[in-house]
Amino acid sequence: MYAVSFYDTDPDAGPEHFQRLVDTYPRHKAYLDAFAAETGEVLMIGTFGDPATQGSMAVFRSREAAERFRDSDPFYTEGLVYRSRILDWNPTVFAEA
């Protein structure tokens, strides 16, 4: 069972909130890179088409890893995530063509 983590954006956030995200991104990226390298638990992570309005998601090997990542992520700990959801995911995987 995998876990999918969603970070939703605040629909009422102004430009100053987006600037805080930009300013915090280097710490978030450093944390992500270290977490992924040390744990091997991150399968995929990224933003949707317009991250300022659509947010982002990540796929982890377990719910525990998703929770551990989120709970220490600077975006989350500094209050920049409007809403975080983690859902268990049981995908059907097709062989590559």
N, C-alpha and C. Protein backbone atom coordinates (compact mmCIF):
# COMPACT_ATOMS: atom_id res chain seq x y z
N MET A 1 0.85 -1.17 0.00
CA MET A 1 0.00 0.00 0.00
C MET A 1 0.90 1.23 0.00
N TYR A 2 0.61 2.14 -0.90
CA TYR A 2 1.31 3.41 -0.98
C TYR A 2 0.49 4.47 -0.26
N ALA A 3 1.03 5.68 -0.18
CA ALA A 3 0.29 6.81 0.37
C ALA A 3 0.51 8.01 -0.54
N VAL A 4 -0.56 8.73 -0.79
CA VAL A 4 -0.49 9.94 -1.61
C VAL A 4 -0.79 11.13 -0.69
N SER A 5 0.12 12.09 -0.71
CA SER A 5 0.01 13.28 0.11
C SER A 5 -0.32 14.47 -0.78
N PHE A 6 -1.34 15.21 -0.38
CA PHE A 6 -1.74 16.41 -1.12
C PHE A 6 -1.51 17.64 -0.24
N TYR A 7 -0.96 18.68 -0.83
CA TYR A 7 -0.88 20.00 -0.20
C TYR A 7 -1.82 20.89 -1.00
N ASP A 8 -2.84 21.39 -0.34
CA ASP A 8 -3.79 22.29 -0.99
C ASP A 8 -3.42 23.73 -0.66
N THR A 9 -3.70 24.62 -1.60
CA THR A 9 -3.39 26.03 -1.43
C THR A 9 -4.59 26.78 -0.87
N ASP A 10 -4.32 27.88 -0.21
CA ASP A 10 -5.36 28.73 0.35
C ASP A 10 -5.98 29.55 -0.78
N PRO A 11 -7.26 29.36 -1.06
CA PRO A 11 -7.87 30.10 -2.16
C PRO A 11 -7.93 31.61 -1.93
N ASP A 12 -7.77 32.03 -0.68
CA ASP A 12 -7.82 33.45 -0.36
C ASP A 12 -6.45 34.07 -0.12
N ALA A 13 -5.40 33.29 -0.35
CA ALA A 13 -4.04 33.78 -0.10
C ALA A 13 -3.66 34.86 -1.11
N GLY A 14 -2.97 35.84 -0.62
CA GLY A 14 -2.52 36.92 -1.49
C GLY A 14 -1.09 36.71 -1.96
N PRO A 15 -0.56 37.69 -2.68
CA PRO A 15 0.79 37.57 -3.23
C PRO A 15 1.87 37.42 -2.16
N GLU A 16 1.64 37.96 -0.97
CA GLU A 16 2.64 37.83 0.09
C GLU A 16 2.80 36.37 0.53
N HIS A 17 1.70 35.61 0.47
CA HIS A 17 1.77 34.19 0.82
C HIS A 17 2.61 33.44 -0.22
N PHE A 18 2.37 33.74 -1.48
CA PHE A 18 3.16 33.09 -2.54
C PHE A 18 4.64 33.45 -2.38
N GLN A 19 4.93 34.68 -2.01
CA GLN A 19 6.33 35.08 -1.81
C GLN A 19 6.96 34.30 -0.66
N ARG A 20 6.19 34.05 0.39
CA ARG A 20 6.70 33.24 1.50
C ARG A 20 7.02 31.82 1.02
N LEU A 21 6.19 31.27 0.14
CA LEU A 21 6.47 29.95 -0.44
C LEU A 21 7.78 29.97 -1.23
N VAL A 22 7.95 30.99 -2.04
CA VAL A 22 9.17 31.14 -2.83
C VAL A 22 10.39 31.24 -1.91
N ASP A 23 10.27 32.01 -0.85
CA ASP A 23 11.38 32.20 0.08
C ASP A 23 11.70 30.92 0.86
N THR A 24 10.70 30.11 1.12
CA THR A 24 10.87 28.88 1.90
C THR A 24 11.30 27.71 1.03
N TYR A 25 11.09 27.80 -0.27
CA TYR A 25 11.37 26.68 -1.17
C TYR A 25 12.78 26.09 -1.02
N PRO A 26 13.84 26.88 -0.90
CA PRO A 26 15.17 26.24 -0.77
C PRO A 26 15.27 25.30 0.44
N ARG A 27 14.65 25.67 1.57
CA ARG A 27 14.66 24.79 2.74
C ARG A 27 13.81 23.55 2.50
N HIS A 28 12.67 23.73 1.86
CA HIS A 28 11.80 22.59 1.50
C HIS A 28 12.55 21.63 0.59
N LYS A 29 13.21 22.16 -0.43
CA LYS A 29 13.94 21.31 -1.41
C LYS A 29 15.10 20.58 -0.73
N ALA A 30 15.83 21.24 0.13
CA ALA A 30 16.93 20.59 0.84
C ALA A 30 16.40 19.47 1.73
N TYR A 31 15.29 19.72 2.41
CA TYR A 31 14.67 18.70 3.25
C TYR A 31 14.20 17.52 2.40
N LEU A 32 13.52 17.81 1.29
CA LEU A 32 13.05 16.77 0.39
C LEU A 32 14.20 15.91 -0.12
N ASP A 33 15.25 16.54 -0.60
CA ASP A 33 16.39 15.79 -1.14
C ASP A 33 17.02 14.89 -0.09
N ALA A 34 17.18 15.40 1.12
CA ALA A 34 17.77 14.59 2.19
C ALA A 34 16.84 13.45 2.59
N PHE A 35 15.56 13.74 2.72
CA PHE A 35 14.59 12.71 3.11
C PHE A 35 14.55 11.60 2.07
N ALA A 36 14.48 11.97 0.79
CA ALA A 36 14.42 10.98 -0.28
C ALA A 36 15.69 10.13 -0.32
N ALA A 37 16.84 10.76 -0.19
CA ALA A 37 18.11 10.02 -0.25
C ALA A 37 18.28 9.09 0.96
N GLU A 38 17.89 9.55 2.13
CA GLU A 38 18.09 8.77 3.35
C GLU A 38 17.08 7.65 3.52
N THR A 39 15.85 7.84 3.02
CA THR A 39 14.80 6.86 3.30
C THR A 39 14.43 6.00 2.10
N GLY A 40 14.59 6.54 0.89
CA GLY A 40 14.12 5.82 -0.30
C GLY A 40 12.60 5.69 -0.35
N GLU A 41 11.90 6.50 0.42
CA GLU A 41 10.44 6.38 0.55
C GLU A 41 9.64 7.26 -0.40
N VAL A 42 10.30 8.19 -1.09
CA VAL A 42 9.58 9.11 -1.99
C VAL A 42 9.64 8.53 -3.40
N LEU A 43 8.48 8.25 -3.98
CA LEU A 43 8.44 7.74 -5.35
C LEU A 43 8.31 8.85 -6.37
N MET A 44 7.43 9.80 -6.09
CA MET A 44 7.20 10.93 -6.99
C MET A 44 6.71 12.11 -6.17
N ILE A 45 7.05 13.31 -6.64
CA ILE A 45 6.57 14.51 -5.97
C ILE A 45 6.54 15.64 -6.99
N GLY A 46 5.56 16.51 -6.89
CA GLY A 46 5.53 17.64 -7.80
C GLY A 46 4.27 18.47 -7.66
N THR A 47 4.31 19.59 -8.35
CA THR A 47 3.18 20.51 -8.34
C THR A 47 2.23 20.19 -9.49
N PHE A 48 1.02 20.68 -9.34
CA PHE A 48 0.06 20.62 -10.45
C PHE A 48 0.33 21.81 -11.36
N GLY A 49 -0.41 21.93 -12.45
CA GLY A 49 -0.16 22.94 -13.48
C GLY A 49 0.10 24.33 -12.96
N ASP A 50 -0.73 24.81 -12.05
CA ASP A 50 -0.53 26.13 -11.43
C ASP A 50 -0.43 25.92 -9.93
N PRO A 51 0.78 25.75 -9.42
CA PRO A 51 0.94 25.42 -8.01
C PRO A 51 0.35 26.46 -7.06
N ALA A 52 0.29 27.70 -7.48
CA ALA A 52 -0.25 28.75 -6.61
C ALA A 52 -1.74 28.54 -6.34
N THR A 53 -2.45 27.89 -7.26
CA THR A 53 -3.89 27.67 -7.07
C THR A 53 -4.26 26.20 -6.98
N GLN A 54 -3.40 25.30 -7.49
CA GLN A 54 -3.76 23.88 -7.54
C GLN A 54 -2.98 23.01 -6.56
N GLY A 55 -1.90 23.52 -5.98
CA GLY A 55 -1.16 22.76 -4.98
C GLY A 55 -0.23 21.72 -5.56
N SER A 56 0.00 20.68 -4.76
CA SER A 56 0.97 19.65 -5.14
C SER A 56 0.59 18.32 -4.53
N MET A 57 1.32 17.29 -4.97
CA MET A 57 1.12 15.96 -4.40
C MET A 57 2.42 15.18 -4.42
N ALA A 58 2.47 14.15 -3.60
CA ALA A 58 3.63 13.26 -3.56
C ALA A 58 3.14 11.85 -3.31
N VAL A 59 3.89 10.89 -3.84
CA VAL A 59 3.58 9.47 -3.62
C VAL A 59 4.72 8.88 -2.80
N PHE A 60 4.35 8.24 -1.70
CA PHE A 60 5.30 7.63 -0.78
C PHE A 60 5.07 6.13 -0.72
N ARG A 61 6.07 5.42 -0.27
CA ARG A 61 5.96 3.96 -0.14
C ARG A 61 5.07 3.54 1.03
N SER A 62 4.81 4.45 1.97
CA SER A 62 3.96 4.12 3.11
C SER A 62 3.33 5.38 3.70
N ARG A 63 2.24 5.19 4.43
CA ARG A 63 1.61 6.30 5.13
C ARG A 63 2.55 6.88 6.18
N GLU A 64 3.26 6.00 6.87
CA GLU A 64 4.19 6.46 7.91
C GLU A 64 5.23 7.40 7.32
N ALA A 65 5.75 7.07 6.14
CA ALA A 65 6.74 7.93 5.49
C ALA A 65 6.11 9.26 5.08
N ALA A 66 4.90 9.22 4.55
CA ALA A 66 4.21 10.45 4.15
C ALA A 66 3.99 11.36 5.35
N GLU A 67 3.56 10.78 6.47
CA GLU A 67 3.33 11.57 7.67
C GLU A 67 4.64 12.14 8.22
N ARG A 68 5.68 11.32 8.23
CA ARG A 68 6.98 11.76 8.74
C ARG A 68 7.53 12.90 7.89
N PHE A 69 7.40 12.77 6.55
CA PHE A 69 7.85 13.83 5.65
C PHE A 69 7.09 15.12 5.93
N ARG A 70 5.78 15.04 5.90
CA ARG A 70 4.94 16.23 6.08
C ARG A 70 5.22 16.92 7.41
N ASP A 71 5.34 16.14 8.46
CA ASP A 71 5.44 16.72 9.80
C ASP A 71 6.72 17.52 10.04
N SER A 72 7.72 17.35 9.18
CA SER A 72 8.96 18.12 9.31
C SER A 72 9.26 18.99 8.09
N ASP A 73 8.36 19.00 7.12
CA ASP A 73 8.55 19.81 5.91
C ASP A 73 8.39 21.29 6.25
N PRO A 74 9.37 22.13 5.91
CA PRO A 74 9.25 23.56 6.19
C PRO A 74 7.96 24.20 5.65
N PHE A 75 7.47 23.76 4.51
CA PHE A 75 6.21 24.31 4.01
C PHE A 75 5.09 24.07 5.03
N TYR A 76 5.09 22.89 5.63
CA TYR A 76 4.05 22.53 6.59
C TYR A 76 4.30 23.16 7.96
N THR A 77 5.52 23.04 8.46
CA THR A 77 5.82 23.53 9.81
C THR A 77 5.74 25.05 9.91
N GLU A 78 5.92 25.75 8.80
CA GLU A 78 5.85 27.21 8.82
C GLU A 78 4.46 27.73 8.42
N GLY A 79 3.48 26.82 8.37
CA GLY A 79 2.10 27.23 8.15
C GLY A 79 1.77 27.67 6.73
N LEU A 80 2.52 27.19 5.76
CA LEU A 80 2.29 27.60 4.37
C LEU A 80 1.34 26.67 3.62
N VAL A 81 0.99 25.56 4.22
CA VAL A 81 0.06 24.61 3.60
C VAL A 81 -1.33 24.87 4.17
N TYR A 82 -2.27 25.16 3.29
CA TYR A 82 -3.64 25.45 3.71
C TYR A 82 -4.30 24.20 4.28
N ARG A 83 -4.15 23.10 3.55
CA ARG A 83 -4.70 21.83 3.99
C ARG A 83 -3.81 20.72 3.47
N SER A 84 -3.57 19.73 4.32
CA SER A 84 -2.78 18.56 3.94
C SER A 84 -3.66 17.33 4.10
N ARG A 85 -3.64 16.48 3.10
CA ARG A 85 -4.37 15.21 3.17
C ARG A 85 -3.42 14.10 2.78
N ILE A 86 -3.53 12.97 3.46
CA ILE A 86 -2.77 11.78 3.09
C ILE A 86 -3.78 10.66 2.92
N LEU A 87 -3.77 10.06 1.74
CA LEU A 87 -4.69 8.98 1.44
C LEU A 87 -3.91 7.71 1.13
N ASP A 88 -4.37 6.59 1.66
CA ASP A 88 -3.78 5.31 1.28
C ASP A 88 -4.16 5.02 -0.16
N TRP A 89 -3.24 4.39 -0.89
CA TRP A 89 -3.45 4.17 -2.33
C TRP A 89 -2.98 2.78 -2.68
N ASN A 90 -3.85 2.04 -3.34
CA ASN A 90 -3.56 0.68 -3.79
C ASN A 90 -3.68 0.64 -5.31
N PRO A 91 -2.62 1.03 -6.03
CA PRO A 91 -2.72 1.17 -7.49
C PRO A 91 -2.64 -0.17 -8.23
N THR A 92 -3.19 -0.14 -9.42
CA THR A 92 -2.96 -1.20 -10.38
C THR A 92 -1.82 -0.72 -11.27
N VAL A 93 -0.77 -1.51 -11.37
CA VAL A 93 0.41 -1.11 -12.12
C VAL A 93 0.48 -1.94 -13.41
N PHE A 94 0.62 -1.24 -14.53
CA PHE A 94 0.72 -1.90 -15.83
C PHE A 94 2.17 -1.95 -16.27
N ALA A 95 2.54 -2.99 -16.96
CA ALA A 95 3.90 -3.11 -17.47
C ALA A 95 4.14 -2.04 -18.54
N GLU A 96 5.38 -1.59 -18.63
CA GLU A 96 5.71 -0.60 -19.67
C GLU A 96 5.60 -1.25 -21.04
N ALA A 97 5.18 -0.47 -22.01
CA ALA A 97 5.02 -0.99 -23.38
C ALA A 97 6.34 -1.16 -24.05
